[in-house]
Amino acid sequence: MKSGGDLTLYSRRRKSFNRQFPLIVEALDDLPQDTVIDGEVVAINRSGRPDFNLLQTFRSEASRIHYFVFDLLVYENRDLTHLPLIERRELMRSLLKFRSPRIRVSDYLEASAADMLNAVRLQGLEGIIGKQKDSLYESGKRSGAWIKYRVNRGQELVIGGFVPGARGLDSIIVGYYRGGALIYVARVRNGFVPASRRQLFDKLRTLVIPECPFVNLPEAHRSRWGEGLNAEDMKKCVWVRPDLVAQIEFLEWTESDHLRHSKFVGLREDKDPRGVVKEQTTEAD
């Protein structure tokens, strides 16, 4: 938002990001006074694709950081949130002009969900956001007027431990084999229902062992996004003989060889744990 000559880049939780992204703040200087926009900071890799990991190294990769404007909420002190989305977007396209190539006013597509998902998968993108054309802007609400659909990847991983919880199992600790050594990659909390949580816990408690089976634990510290497992975290863990293989869905591999946004899908009892290795991908740099 720009008010009184000052421009502030706010996060969803109303935290100022001016210090983190000074070049974006500078590039948004063309924003008219008393105007509020909604958008997202995105890192674009060499192949022209959004790259979440690159965004974590924004200080060293500042030239790749862009801001995509996707809604106009207030224009020169005029509140537009009562207008339908399609009208706000038409005003956004006609009224907002930015000289900097860092700022991109996003366009929209009208297409079926099936067509959009196919296109997203073909291009290896993260997912889609869909909004009703006549929807109003509802600050802080996740109404039925819009959806967010993430296209996840998946692979088989070996369970080497778990964290106990109120229902027996809070999360599982998984990894893959590299040259005969079990490598930790994720602590998976999501994807369980009461029945699958109970059934998996019943299997795991018969496999308890005293020593951690992962060769790369403990890690020195947790990463910024919490994928790591340090010595303090390991005090809560129960280790198991790595006999079970789980199918895990996830968004992407991070640069630290961990999974982001992982989810338990089910057990793969037909798989030999020793044959579970990291699947090769064709992701762009």
C-alpha atoms as a PDB file:
ATOM      1  CA  MET A   1       0.000   0.000   0.000  1.00  0.00           C
ATOM      2  CA  LYS A   2       1.061   3.599  -0.588  1.00  0.00           C
ATOM      3  CA  SER A   3      -0.079   6.347   1.753  1.00  0.00           C
ATOM      4  CA  GLY A   4       1.342   9.762   2.596  1.00  0.00           C
ATOM      5  CA  GLY A   5       4.191   9.207   0.174  1.00  0.00           C
ATOM      6  CA  ASP A   6       5.344   6.047   1.965  1.00  0.00           C
ATOM      7  CA  LEU A   7       5.039   2.583   0.464  1.00  0.00           C
ATOM      8  CA  THR A   8       4.809  -0.516   2.655  1.00  0.00           C
ATOM      9  CA  LEU A   9       4.989  -4.109   1.508  1.00  0.00           C
ATOM     10  CA  TYR A  10       2.972  -6.130   4.010  1.00  0.00           C
ATOM     11  CA  SER A  11       2.852  -9.884   4.559  1.00  0.00           C
ATOM     12  CA  ARG A  12      -0.435 -11.709   5.085  1.00  0.00           C
ATOM     13  CA  ARG A  13       0.094 -11.247   8.830  1.00  0.00           C
ATOM     14  CA  ARG A  14       0.637  -7.498   8.445  1.00  0.00           C
ATOM     15  CA  LYS A  15       4.402  -7.717   8.908  1.00  0.00           C
ATOM     16  CA  SER A  16       6.457  -5.246   6.894  1.00  0.00           C
ATOM     17  CA  PHE A  17       8.663  -6.840   4.223  1.00  0.00           C
ATOM     18  CA  ASN A  18      10.317  -3.583   3.179  1.00  0.00           C
ATOM     19  CA  ARG A  19      13.729  -4.599   4.538  1.00  0.00           C
ATOM     20  CA  GLN A  20      13.581  -8.069   2.998  1.00  0.00           C
ATOM     21  CA  PHE A  21      12.636  -6.861  -0.491  1.00  0.00           C
ATOM     22  CA  PRO A  22      13.899  -3.285  -0.929  1.00  0.00           C
ATOM     23  CA  LEU A  23      14.138  -3.609  -4.733  1.00  0.00           C
ATOM     24  CA  ILE A  24      10.461  -4.526  -4.937  1.00  0.00           C
ATOM     25  CA  VAL A  25       9.532  -1.544  -2.779  1.00  0.00           C
ATOM     26  CA  GLU A  26      11.595   0.687  -5.069  1.00  0.00           C
ATOM     27  CA  ALA A  27       9.976  -0.809  -8.174  1.00  0.00           C
ATOM     28  CA  LEU A  28       6.488  -0.166  -6.778  1.00  0.00           C
ATOM     29  CA  ASP A  29       7.134   3.569  -6.574  1.00  0.00           C
ATOM     30  CA  ASP A  30       4.792   4.128  -9.537  1.00  0.00           C
ATOM     31  CA  LEU A  31       1.842   3.056  -7.405  1.00  0.00           C
ATOM     32  CA  PRO A  32      -0.575   6.025  -7.055  1.00  0.00           C
ATOM     33  CA  GLN A  33      -1.046   7.673  -3.678  1.00  0.00           C
ATOM     34  CA  ASP A  34      -3.636   6.191  -1.298  1.00  0.00           C
ATOM     35  CA  THR A  35      -3.750   2.955  -3.254  1.00  0.00           C
ATOM     36  CA  VAL A  36      -3.754  -0.625  -1.968  1.00  0.00           C
ATOM     37  CA  ILE A  37      -2.982  -3.658  -4.120  1.00  0.00           C
ATOM     38  CA  ASP A  38      -2.780  -7.378  -3.438  1.00  0.00           C
ATOM     39  CA  GLY A  39      -0.067  -9.548  -4.921  1.00  0.00           C
ATOM     40  CA  GLU A  40       2.737 -11.987  -4.310  1.00  0.00           C
ATOM     41  CA  VAL A  41       6.524 -11.907  -4.272  1.00  0.00           C
ATOM     42  CA  VAL A  42       7.844 -14.592  -6.621  1.00  0.00           C
ATOM     43  CA  ALA A  43      11.355 -15.779  -7.500  1.00  0.00           C
ATOM     44  CA  ILE A  44      11.793 -16.690 -11.175  1.00  0.00           C
ATOM     45  CA  ASN A  45      14.550 -19.142 -12.094  1.00  0.00           C
ATOM     46  CA  ARG A  46      16.623 -19.239 -15.286  1.00  0.00           C
ATOM     47  CA  SER A  47      13.920 -21.213 -17.057  1.00  0.00           C
ATOM     48  CA  GLY A  48      11.302 -18.580 -16.309  1.00  0.00           C
ATOM     49  CA  ARG A  49       9.481 -20.681 -13.722  1.00  0.00           C
ATOM     50  CA  PRO A  50       8.545 -19.795 -10.127  1.00  0.00           C
ATOM     51  CA  ASP A  51      11.064 -21.285  -7.697  1.00  0.00           C
ATOM     52  CA  PHE A  52      10.176 -21.380  -3.999  1.00  0.00           C
ATOM     53  CA  ASN A  53      13.674 -22.396  -2.895  1.00  0.00           C
ATOM     54  CA  LEU A  54      15.176 -19.476  -4.791  1.00  0.00           C
ATOM     55  CA  LEU A  55      12.928 -17.153  -2.820  1.00  0.00           C
ATOM     56  CA  GLN A  56      14.655 -18.300   0.383  1.00  0.00           C
ATOM     57  CA  THR A  57      17.960 -16.900  -0.917  1.00  0.00           C
ATOM     58  CA  PHE A  58      16.451 -13.573  -1.912  1.00  0.00           C
ATOM     59  CA  ARG A  59      19.471 -11.575  -0.729  1.00  0.00           C
ATOM     60  CA  SER A  60      21.899 -13.341  -3.059  1.00  0.00           C
ATOM     61  CA  GLU A  61      19.381 -13.739  -5.886  1.00  0.00           C
ATOM     62  CA  ALA A  62      17.713 -10.318  -5.702  1.00  0.00           C
ATOM     63  CA  SER A  63      17.736  -9.893  -9.477  1.00  0.00           C
ATOM     64  CA  ARG A  64      15.322 -12.830  -9.811  1.00  0.00           C
ATOM     65  CA  ILE A  65      12.680 -11.488  -7.431  1.00  0.00           C
ATOM     66  CA  HIS A  66       9.449 -10.103  -8.921  1.00  0.00           C
ATOM     67  CA  TYR A  67       6.096  -8.923  -7.643  1.00  0.00           C
ATOM     68  CA  PHE A  68       2.888 -10.104  -9.312  1.00  0.00           C
ATOM     69  CA  VAL A  69      -0.113  -7.822  -8.788  1.00  0.00           C
ATOM     70  CA  PHE A  70      -3.401  -9.732  -8.889  1.00  0.00           C
ATOM     71  CA  ASP A  71      -5.961  -7.440  -7.243  1.00  0.00           C
ATOM     72  CA  LEU A  72      -6.719  -3.751  -6.759  1.00  0.00           C
ATOM     73  CA  LEU A  73      -8.428  -3.022  -3.428  1.00  0.00           C
ATOM     74  CA  VAL A  74      -8.213   0.760  -3.046  1.00  0.00           C
ATOM     75  CA  TYR A  75      -7.460   3.255  -5.800  1.00  0.00           C
ATOM     76  CA  GLU A  76      -6.628   6.849  -4.847  1.00  0.00           C
ATOM     77  CA  ASN A  77      -8.617   6.491  -1.623  1.00  0.00           C
ATOM     78  CA  ARG A  78     -11.605   4.857  -3.355  1.00  0.00           C
ATOM     79  CA  ASP A  79     -12.578   1.522  -1.815  1.00  0.00           C
ATOM     80  CA  LEU A  80     -13.077  -1.099  -4.533  1.00  0.00           C
ATOM     81  CA  THR A  81     -13.597  -4.176  -2.370  1.00  0.00           C
ATOM     82  CA  HIS A  82     -17.375  -4.006  -2.845  1.00  0.00           C
ATOM     83  CA  LEU A  83     -16.958  -4.480  -6.608  1.00  0.00           C
ATOM     84  CA  PRO A  84     -16.966  -7.931  -8.234  1.00  0.00           C
ATOM     85  CA  LEU A  85     -13.558  -9.425  -8.937  1.00  0.00           C
ATOM     86  CA  ILE A  86     -13.914  -9.084 -12.706  1.00  0.00           C
ATOM     87  CA  GLU A  87     -14.489  -5.329 -12.375  1.00  0.00           C
ATOM     88  CA  ARG A  88     -11.567  -4.875  -9.986  1.00  0.00           C
ATOM     89  CA  ARG A  89      -9.292  -6.691 -12.411  1.00  0.00           C
ATOM     90  CA  GLU A  90     -10.422  -4.557 -15.353  1.00  0.00           C
ATOM     91  CA  LEU A  91      -9.669  -1.429 -13.319  1.00  0.00           C
ATOM     92  CA  MET A  92      -6.329  -2.885 -12.256  1.00  0.00           C
ATOM     93  CA  ARG A  93      -5.296  -3.525 -15.867  1.00  0.00           C
ATOM     94  CA  SER A  94      -6.351  -0.060 -17.045  1.00  0.00           C
ATOM     95  CA  LEU A  95      -5.203   2.090 -14.107  1.00  0.00           C
ATOM     96  CA  LEU A  96      -1.933   0.543 -12.895  1.00  0.00           C
ATOM     97  CA  LYS A  97       1.202   1.185 -14.945  1.00  0.00           C
ATOM     98  CA  PHE A  98       4.683   0.251 -13.748  1.00  0.00           C
ATOM     99  CA  ARG A  99       7.956   1.089 -15.473  1.00  0.00           C
ATOM    100  CA  SER A 100       9.955  -1.582 -13.694  1.00  0.00           C
ATOM    101  CA  PRO A 101       9.970  -5.090 -15.213  1.00  0.00           C
ATOM    102  CA  ARG A 102      10.082  -6.411 -11.658  1.00  0.00           C
ATOM    103  CA  ILE A 103       6.374  -5.594 -11.320  1.00  0.00           C
ATOM    104  CA  ARG A 104       3.957  -7.669 -13.343  1.00  0.00           C
ATOM    105  CA  VAL A 105       0.210  -7.144 -13.447  1.00  0.00           C
ATOM    106  CA  SER A 106      -1.158 -10.653 -13.752  1.00  0.00           C
ATOM    107  CA  ASP A 107      -3.752 -11.689 -16.260  1.00  0.00           C
ATOM    108  CA  TYR A 108      -6.451 -14.274 -15.716  1.00  0.00           C
ATOM    109  CA  LEU A 109      -7.709 -17.275 -17.627  1.00  0.00           C
ATOM    110  CA  GLU A 110     -11.213 -18.658 -17.940  1.00  0.00           C
ATOM    111  CA  ALA A 111     -10.938 -22.420 -18.347  1.00  0.00           C
ATOM    112  CA  SER A 112     -12.249 -25.680 -16.947  1.00  0.00           C
ATOM    113  CA  ALA A 113     -10.578 -27.111 -13.857  1.00  0.00           C
ATOM    114  CA  ALA A 114      -9.471 -30.190 -15.810  1.00  0.00           C
ATOM    115  CA  ASP A 115      -7.804 -28.119 -18.542  1.00  0.00           C
ATOM    116  CA  MET A 116      -6.034 -25.902 -16.016  1.00  0.00           C
ATOM    117  CA  LEU A 117      -4.725 -28.850 -13.988  1.00  0.00           C
ATOM    118  CA  ASN A 118      -3.434 -30.574 -17.101  1.00  0.00           C
ATOM    119  CA  ALA A 119      -1.604 -27.401 -18.126  1.00  0.00           C
ATOM    120  CA  VAL A 120      -0.119 -26.984 -14.645  1.00  0.00           C
ATOM    121  CA  ARG A 121       1.144 -30.569 -14.583  1.00  0.00           C
ATOM    122  CA  LEU A 122       2.639 -30.319 -18.071  1.00  0.00           C
ATOM    123  CA  GLN A 123       4.586 -27.201 -17.113  1.00  0.00           C
ATOM    124  CA  GLY A 124       5.677 -28.510 -13.725  1.00  0.00           C
ATOM    125  CA  LEU A 125       4.045 -25.662 -11.805  1.00  0.00           C
ATOM    126  CA  GLU A 126       3.000 -25.666  -8.160  1.00  0.00           C
ATOM    127  CA  GLY A 127      -0.770 -25.426  -8.554  1.00  0.00           C
ATOM    128  CA  ILE A 128      -3.638 -23.116  -9.373  1.00  0.00           C
ATOM    129  CA  ILE A 129      -5.888 -20.596  -7.663  1.00  0.00           C
ATOM    130  CA  GLY A 130      -9.445 -20.200  -8.888  1.00  0.00           C
ATOM    131  CA  LYS A 131     -11.843 -17.419  -7.989  1.00  0.00           C
ATOM    132  CA  GLN A 132     -15.441 -16.688  -8.882  1.00  0.00           C
ATOM    133  CA  LYS A 133     -15.658 -13.753 -11.275  1.00  0.00           C
ATOM    134  CA  ASP A 134     -18.398 -12.015  -9.302  1.00  0.00           C
ATOM    135  CA  SER A 135     -16.820 -12.518  -5.865  1.00  0.00           C
ATOM    136  CA  LEU A 136     -16.142  -9.589  -3.554  1.00  0.00           C
ATOM    137  CA  TYR A 137     -12.901  -9.090  -1.650  1.00  0.00           C
ATOM    138  CA  GLU A 138     -13.251 -10.536   1.874  1.00  0.00           C
ATOM    139  CA  SER A 139     -10.197  -9.619   3.913  1.00  0.00           C
ATOM    140  CA  GLY A 140      -8.854 -12.419   6.084  1.00  0.00           C
ATOM    141  CA  LYS A 141     -11.547 -14.900   5.016  1.00  0.00           C
ATOM    142  CA  ARG A 142     -11.255 -18.150   3.074  1.00  0.00           C
ATOM    143  CA  SER A 143     -14.728 -18.331   1.653  1.00  0.00           C
ATOM    144  CA  GLY A 144     -16.110 -20.718  -0.933  1.00  0.00           C
ATOM    145  CA  ALA A 145     -15.609 -18.043  -3.592  1.00  0.00           C
ATOM    146  CA  TRP A 146     -12.062 -19.209  -4.265  1.00  0.00           C
ATOM    147  CA  ILE A 147     -10.028 -22.394  -4.237  1.00  0.00           C
ATOM    148  CA  LYS A 148      -6.352 -23.243  -4.052  1.00  0.00           C
ATOM    149  CA  TYR A 149      -5.255 -26.537  -5.588  1.00  0.00           C
ATOM    150  CA  ARG A 150      -1.695 -27.798  -5.204  1.00  0.00           C
ATOM    151  CA  VAL A 151      -0.287 -30.351  -7.635  1.00  0.00           C
ATOM    152  CA  ASN A 152       1.892 -32.590  -5.503  1.00  0.00           C
ATOM    153  CA  ARG A 153       4.603 -35.042  -6.392  1.00  0.00           C
ATOM    154  CA  GLY A 154       5.116 -38.336  -4.663  1.00  0.00           C
ATOM    155  CA  GLN A 155       7.549 -41.133  -3.963  1.00  0.00           C
ATOM    156  CA  GLU A 156       8.064 -44.129  -1.693  1.00  0.00           C
ATOM    157  CA  LEU A 157      10.053 -43.518   1.486  1.00  0.00           C
ATOM    158  CA  VAL A 158      11.188 -45.735   4.359  1.00  0.00           C
ATOM    159  CA  ILE A 159       9.817 -45.161   7.861  1.00  0.00           C
ATOM    160  CA  GLY A 160      12.658 -45.061  10.386  1.00  0.00           C
ATOM    161  CA  GLY A 161      10.873 -43.565  13.365  1.00  0.00           C
ATOM    162  CA  PHE A 162       7.892 -41.695  14.694  1.00  0.00           C
ATOM    163  CA  VAL A 163       6.898 -39.010  17.157  1.00  0.00           C
ATOM    164  CA  PRO A 164       4.280 -40.207  19.679  1.00  0.00           C
ATOM    165  CA  GLY A 165       1.060 -38.244  19.992  1.00  0.00           C
ATOM    166  CA  ALA A 166      -2.248 -38.158  21.812  1.00  0.00           C
ATOM    167  CA  ARG A 167      -3.609 -40.894  19.523  1.00  0.00           C
ATOM    168  CA  GLY A 168      -0.403 -42.892  19.522  1.00  0.00           C
ATOM    169  CA  LEU A 169       1.157 -41.263  16.488  1.00  0.00           C
ATOM    170  CA  ASP A 170       1.828 -37.596  15.808  1.00  0.00           C
ATOM    171  CA  SER A 171       4.144 -37.932  12.802  1.00  0.00           C
ATOM    172  CA  ILE A 172       6.429 -40.371  11.017  1.00  0.00           C
ATOM    173  CA  ILE A 173      10.112 -39.897  10.195  1.00  0.00           C
ATOM    174  CA  VAL A 174      11.049 -41.002   6.697  1.00  0.00           C
ATOM    175  CA  GLY A 175      14.013 -41.263   4.368  1.00  0.00           C
ATOM    176  CA  TYR A 176      15.589 -43.130   1.461  1.00  0.00           C
ATOM    177  CA  TYR A 177      18.649 -45.303   0.948  1.00  0.00           C
ATOM    178  CA  ARG A 178      21.839 -43.934  -0.552  1.00  0.00           C
ATOM    179  CA  GLY A 179      24.598 -46.510  -0.952  1.00  0.00           C
ATOM    180  CA  GLY A 180      23.209 -48.647   1.845  1.00  0.00           C
ATOM    181  CA  ALA A 181      22.772 -45.710   4.272  1.00  0.00           C
ATOM    182  CA  LEU A 182      19.345 -44.443   5.344  1.00  0.00           C
ATOM    183  CA  ILE A 183      19.051 -40.689   4.742  1.00  0.00           C
ATOM    184  CA  TYR A 184      16.484 -38.630   6.672  1.00  0.00           C
ATOM    185  CA  VAL A 185      14.353 -36.301   4.524  1.00  0.00           C
ATOM    186  CA  ALA A 186      11.104 -35.472   6.313  1.00  0.00           C
ATOM    187  CA  ARG A 187       8.906 -35.633   9.356  1.00  0.00           C
ATOM    188  CA  VAL A 188       5.394 -36.201   7.982  1.00  0.00           C
ATOM    189  CA  ARG A 189       2.348 -35.072   9.979  1.00  0.00           C
ATOM    190  CA  ASN A 190      -0.329 -34.597   7.349  1.00  0.00           C
ATOM    191  CA  GLY A 191      -2.527 -37.092   5.535  1.00  0.00           C
ATOM    192  CA  PHE A 192      -3.590 -39.288   8.435  1.00  0.00           C
ATOM    193  CA  VAL A 193      -7.149 -40.131   9.439  1.00  0.00           C
ATOM    194  CA  PRO A 194      -7.907 -41.763  12.819  1.00  0.00           C
ATOM    195  CA  ALA A 195      -8.041 -45.274  11.317  1.00  0.00           C
ATOM    196  CA  SER A 196      -4.771 -45.015   9.361  1.00  0.00           C
ATOM    197  CA  ARG A 197      -3.030 -43.359  12.316  1.00  0.00           C
ATOM    198  CA  ARG A 198      -4.076 -46.186  14.647  1.00  0.00           C
ATOM    199  CA  GLN A 199      -3.218 -48.959  12.181  1.00  0.00           C
ATOM    200  CA  LEU A 200       0.215 -47.546  11.423  1.00  0.00           C
ATOM    201  CA  PHE A 201       0.991 -47.037  15.105  1.00  0.00           C
ATOM    202  CA  ASP A 202       0.091 -50.663  15.823  1.00  0.00           C
ATOM    203  CA  LYS A 203       2.614 -51.768  13.197  1.00  0.00           C
ATOM    204  CA  LEU A 204       5.365 -49.389  14.257  1.00  0.00           C
ATOM    205  CA  ARG A 205       5.333 -50.157  17.969  1.00  0.00           C
ATOM    206  CA  THR A 206       6.339 -53.748  17.232  1.00  0.00           C
ATOM    207  CA  LEU A 207       9.453 -52.498  15.397  1.00  0.00           C
ATOM    208  CA  VAL A 208      10.928 -50.223  18.087  1.00  0.00           C
ATOM    209  CA  ILE A 209      14.735 -50.189  18.326  1.00  0.00           C
ATOM    210  CA  PRO A 210      17.062 -48.225  20.659  1.00  0.00           C
ATOM    211  CA  GLU A 211      19.225 -46.488  18.032  1.00  0.00           C
ATOM    212  CA  CYS A 212      18.435 -43.979  15.287  1.00  0.00           C
ATOM    213  CA  PRO A 213      18.703 -45.671  11.859  1.00  0.00           C
ATOM    214  CA  PHE A 214      19.361 -42.426   9.929  1.00  0.00           C
ATOM    215  CA  VAL A 215      23.025 -41.701   9.257  1.00  0.00           C
ATOM    216  CA  ASN A 216      22.548 -37.942   8.783  1.00  0.00           C
ATOM    217  CA  LEU A 217      20.933 -37.255  12.159  1.00  0.00           C
ATOM    218  CA  PRO A 218      21.096 -35.201  14.237  1.00  0.00           C
ATOM    219  CA  GLU A 219      21.260 -32.150  11.998  1.00  0.00           C
ATOM    220  CA  ALA A 220      23.057 -29.069  13.263  1.00  0.00           C
ATOM    221  CA  HIS A 221      19.929 -26.915  13.291  1.00  0.00           C
ATOM    222  CA  ARG A 222      16.477 -26.600  11.893  1.00  0.00           C
ATOM    223  CA  SER A 223      16.104 -24.985   8.503  1.00  0.00           C
ATOM    224  CA  ARG A 224      14.119 -21.800   8.016  1.00  0.00           C
ATOM    225  CA  TRP A 225      11.070 -23.855   6.994  1.00  0.00           C
ATOM    226  CA  GLY A 226      11.298 -26.408   9.807  1.00  0.00           C
ATOM    227  CA  GLU A 227      12.184 -29.525   7.793  1.00  0.00           C
ATOM    228  CA  GLY A 228      15.285 -30.338   9.858  1.00  0.00           C
ATOM    229  CA  LEU A 229      15.631 -32.620  12.870  1.00  0.00           C
ATOM    230  CA  ASN A 230      18.182 -31.557  15.461  1.00  0.00           C
ATOM    231  CA  ALA A 231      19.331 -33.231  18.669  1.00  0.00           C
ATOM    232  CA  GLU A 232      16.632 -31.552  20.754  1.00  0.00           C
ATOM    233  CA  ASP A 233      13.902 -32.689  18.346  1.00  0.00           C
ATOM    234  CA  MET A 234      15.262 -36.241  18.430  1.00  0.00           C
ATOM    235  CA  LYS A 235      14.543 -36.547  22.149  1.00  0.00           C
ATOM    236  CA  LYS A 236      10.845 -36.815  21.221  1.00  0.00           C
ATOM    237  CA  CYS A 237      11.399 -39.516  18.598  1.00  0.00           C
ATOM    238  CA  VAL A 238      10.922 -43.263  18.821  1.00  0.00           C
ATOM    239  CA  TRP A 239      13.120 -45.205  16.387  1.00  0.00           C
ATOM    240  CA  VAL A 240      11.958 -48.266  14.515  1.00  0.00           C
ATOM    241  CA  ARG A 241      13.507 -50.974  12.377  1.00  0.00           C
ATOM    242  CA  PRO A 242      13.213 -49.623   8.815  1.00  0.00           C
ATOM    243  CA  ASP A 243      10.929 -52.371   7.523  1.00  0.00           C
ATOM    244  CA  LEU A 244       7.953 -50.301   6.332  1.00  0.00           C
ATOM    245  CA  VAL A 245       7.638 -48.244   3.165  1.00  0.00           C
ATOM    246  CA  ALA A 246       5.174 -45.345   2.899  1.00  0.00           C
ATOM    247  CA  GLN A 247       3.877 -43.537  -0.154  1.00  0.00           C
ATOM    248  CA  ILE A 248       4.416 -39.823   0.475  1.00  0.00           C
ATOM    249  CA  GLU A 249       3.089 -36.899  -1.529  1.00  0.00           C
ATOM    250  CA  PHE A 250       4.960 -33.614  -1.386  1.00  0.00           C
ATOM    251  CA  LEU A 251       5.310 -30.294  -3.129  1.00  0.00           C
ATOM    252  CA  GLU A 252       9.038 -30.301  -3.844  1.00  0.00           C
ATOM    253  CA  TRP A 253      12.551 -31.206  -2.729  1.00  0.00           C
ATOM    254  CA  THR A 254      14.358 -28.350  -1.007  1.00  0.00           C
ATOM    255  CA  GLU A 255      18.015 -27.491  -1.547  1.00  0.00           C
ATOM    256  CA  SER A 256      18.814 -29.143   1.803  1.00  0.00           C
ATOM    257  CA  ASP A 257      17.413 -32.476   0.509  1.00  0.00           C
ATOM    258  CA  HIS A 258      14.210 -32.322   2.526  1.00  0.00           C
ATOM    259  CA  LEU A 259      10.567 -32.454   1.510  1.00  0.00           C
ATOM    260  CA  ARG A 260       8.282 -29.430   1.603  1.00  0.00           C
ATOM    261  CA  HIS A 261       4.562 -29.879   2.363  1.00  0.00           C
ATOM    262  CA  SER A 262       4.670 -33.663   2.723  1.00  0.00           C
ATOM    263  CA  LYS A 263       1.615 -35.886   3.230  1.00  0.00           C
ATOM    264  CA  PHE A 264       1.148 -39.559   4.107  1.00  0.00           C
ATOM    265  CA  VAL A 265      -0.839 -41.469   1.472  1.00  0.00           C
ATOM    266  CA  GLY A 266      -0.519 -45.082   2.577  1.00  0.00           C
ATOM    267  CA  LEU A 267       1.794 -48.037   3.139  1.00  0.00           C
ATOM    268  CA  ARG A 268       3.495 -49.850   0.260  1.00  0.00           C
ATOM    269  CA  GLU A 269       3.769 -53.327   1.661  1.00  0.00           C
ATOM    270  CA  ASP A 270       4.825 -54.647  -1.752  1.00  0.00           C
ATOM    271  CA  LYS A 271       8.092 -52.681  -1.677  1.00  0.00           C
ATOM    272  CA  ASP A 272      11.490 -53.748  -0.356  1.00  0.00           C
ATOM    273  CA  PRO A 273      12.760 -50.928   1.919  1.00  0.00           C
ATOM    274  CA  ARG A 274      16.334 -51.456   0.723  1.00  0.00           C
ATOM    275  CA  GLY A 275      15.229 -50.690  -2.813  1.00  0.00           C
ATOM    276  CA  VAL A 276      13.880 -47.240  -1.916  1.00  0.00           C
ATOM    277  CA  VAL A 277      16.141 -44.545  -3.353  1.00  0.00           C
ATOM    278  CA  LYS A 278      15.596 -40.908  -4.252  1.00  0.00           C
ATOM    279  CA  GLU A 279      13.751 -40.693  -7.537  1.00  0.00           C
ATOM    280  CA  GLN A 280      15.428 -38.580 -10.174  1.00  0.00           C
ATOM    281  CA  THR A 281      13.557 -35.509 -11.418  1.00  0.00           C
ATOM    282  CA  THR A 282      13.951 -33.203 -14.379  1.00  0.00           C
ATOM    283  CA  GLU A 283      13.440 -29.946 -12.519  1.00  0.00           C
ATOM    284  CA  ALA A 284      14.920 -26.805 -14.033  1.00  0.00           C
ATOM    285  CA  ASP A 285      17.818 -25.072 -12.305  1.00  0.00           C
END
